Protein backbone atom coordinates (compact mmCIF):
# COMPACT_ATOMS: atom_id res chain seq x y z
CA MET A 1 -126.71 -13.11 -107.62
CA SER A 2 -129.39 -12.74 -110.30
CA GLU A 3 -129.61 -9.30 -111.81
CA ASN A 4 -132.89 -7.68 -112.72
CA TYR A 5 -132.03 -6.08 -115.92
CA GLN A 6 -134.74 -4.12 -117.38
CA LYS A 7 -132.77 -1.60 -119.61
CA ARG A 8 -130.45 -1.61 -122.31
CA ILE A 9 -128.64 1.86 -122.44
CA GLU A 10 -126.44 2.86 -125.26
CA ILE A 11 -124.37 5.82 -124.98
CA ILE A 12 -122.61 7.38 -127.99
CA ALA A 13 -120.23 10.27 -127.29
CA ASN A 14 -117.05 12.37 -128.20
CA ARG A 15 -114.14 10.66 -126.59
CA SER A 16 -113.21 14.22 -125.20
CA ILE A 17 -116.01 13.77 -122.41
CA GLN A 18 -115.36 10.10 -121.62
CA GLU A 19 -113.30 10.75 -118.39
CA ASP A 20 -115.85 13.21 -117.35
CA LEU A 21 -118.96 10.99 -117.88
CA PHE A 22 -117.21 7.87 -115.89
CA GLU A 23 -116.07 10.51 -112.87
CA ALA A 24 -119.89 11.45 -112.88
CA PHE A 25 -120.91 7.57 -112.71
CA GLU A 26 -118.58 7.14 -110.00
CA LYS A 27 -119.78 9.82 -107.91
CA ARG A 28 -123.45 8.38 -108.31
CA GLU A 29 -122.04 4.90 -107.68
CA ILE A 30 -123.57 3.57 -110.92
CA VAL A 31 -122.41 1.82 -114.10
CA LYS A 32 -120.14 -0.43 -112.40
CA HIS A 33 -120.86 -3.18 -115.19
CA TYR A 34 -120.52 -2.22 -118.81
CA THR A 35 -119.07 -2.88 -122.11
CA LEU A 36 -116.99 -0.16 -123.65
CA VAL A 37 -115.94 0.17 -127.44
CA PRO A 38 -113.07 2.85 -126.87
CA VAL A 39 -113.20 4.03 -130.54
CA ALA A 40 -115.97 4.36 -132.94
CA PHE A 41 -116.29 6.39 -136.22
CA GLY A 42 -119.43 7.83 -137.56
CA VAL A 43 -121.30 10.76 -138.60
CA GLY A 44 -124.13 12.44 -136.42
CA ARG A 45 -125.58 15.93 -135.87
CA GLN A 46 -122.37 17.30 -134.48
CA GLY A 47 -120.54 16.19 -137.66
CA PRO A 48 -118.17 13.48 -138.78
CA ARG A 49 -115.83 11.75 -136.25
CA MET A 50 -113.51 9.59 -138.37
CA GLY A 51 -110.18 9.65 -136.31
CA ASP A 52 -108.33 10.78 -139.59
CA HIS A 53 -106.30 14.00 -140.34
CA ILE A 54 -109.65 15.62 -141.91
CA TRP A 55 -111.98 14.60 -139.42
CA PRO A 56 -109.77 14.07 -136.27
CA GLU A 57 -112.12 13.47 -133.50
CA GLU A 58 -113.53 10.24 -132.19
CA ASN A 59 -116.29 8.66 -130.47
CA PHE A 60 -116.93 6.00 -127.85
CA VAL A 61 -119.66 3.59 -127.36
CA LEU A 62 -120.95 2.47 -123.86
CA THR A 63 -123.54 -0.12 -123.25
CA VAL A 64 -124.95 -0.74 -119.80
CA TYR A 65 -127.71 -3.46 -118.91
CA CYS A 66 -129.36 -2.26 -115.76
CA SER A 67 -132.59 -1.76 -113.78
CA GLU A 68 -135.07 1.16 -114.25
CA ASP A 69 -133.61 2.88 -111.21
CA GLU A 70 -130.15 2.85 -112.42
CA ALA A 71 -131.47 3.58 -115.90
CA GLN A 72 -132.89 6.61 -114.48
CA LYS A 73 -129.72 7.69 -112.82
CA ILE A 74 -127.85 7.24 -116.04
CA ARG A 75 -130.18 9.50 -117.76
CA GLU A 76 -129.84 12.34 -115.17
CA THR A 77 -126.08 12.12 -115.30
CA VAL A 78 -125.69 12.10 -118.96
CA ASN A 79 -128.28 15.07 -119.10
CA GLU A 80 -125.91 17.02 -116.71
CA ILE A 81 -122.77 16.19 -118.85
CA LYS A 82 -124.67 17.21 -122.00
CA ASN A 83 -125.69 20.70 -120.32
CA PHE A 84 -121.92 21.17 -119.39
CA PHE A 85 -120.41 20.16 -122.81
CA VAL A 86 -122.93 21.52 -125.03
CA GLN A 87 -120.85 21.52 -128.26
CA GLU A 88 -120.04 17.78 -127.86
CA GLY A 89 -122.00 14.97 -129.39
CA ILE A 90 -123.53 12.91 -126.74
CA LYS A 91 -126.53 10.56 -127.42
CA LEU A 92 -128.24 7.93 -125.23
CA PHE A 93 -130.26 5.27 -126.48
CA GLU A 94 -132.51 3.14 -124.24
CA ILE A 95 -134.46 -0.20 -124.86
CA SER A 96 -136.73 -1.72 -122.43
CA LEU A 97 -135.90 -5.84 -122.15
């Protein structure tokens, strides 16, 4: 089966929302194929995420190659999660292929 990948979506978010995000994707029947980097460290607008005793929180990175239709559904889903978890860092980056 030939896939029509038009977009690359990369989501970087606090690990505390990972389960909620995947449950939302499952409800919408999207993001069935992806690459997950389960632990990522860095500094963003919400502050450091270093996984140590000073900055204990951690991020994850999710990469998805998808069609434009699926990309739209992913954006909508991420926005819903962001509106619910306003204090957590959740970023979506999108590249057209």
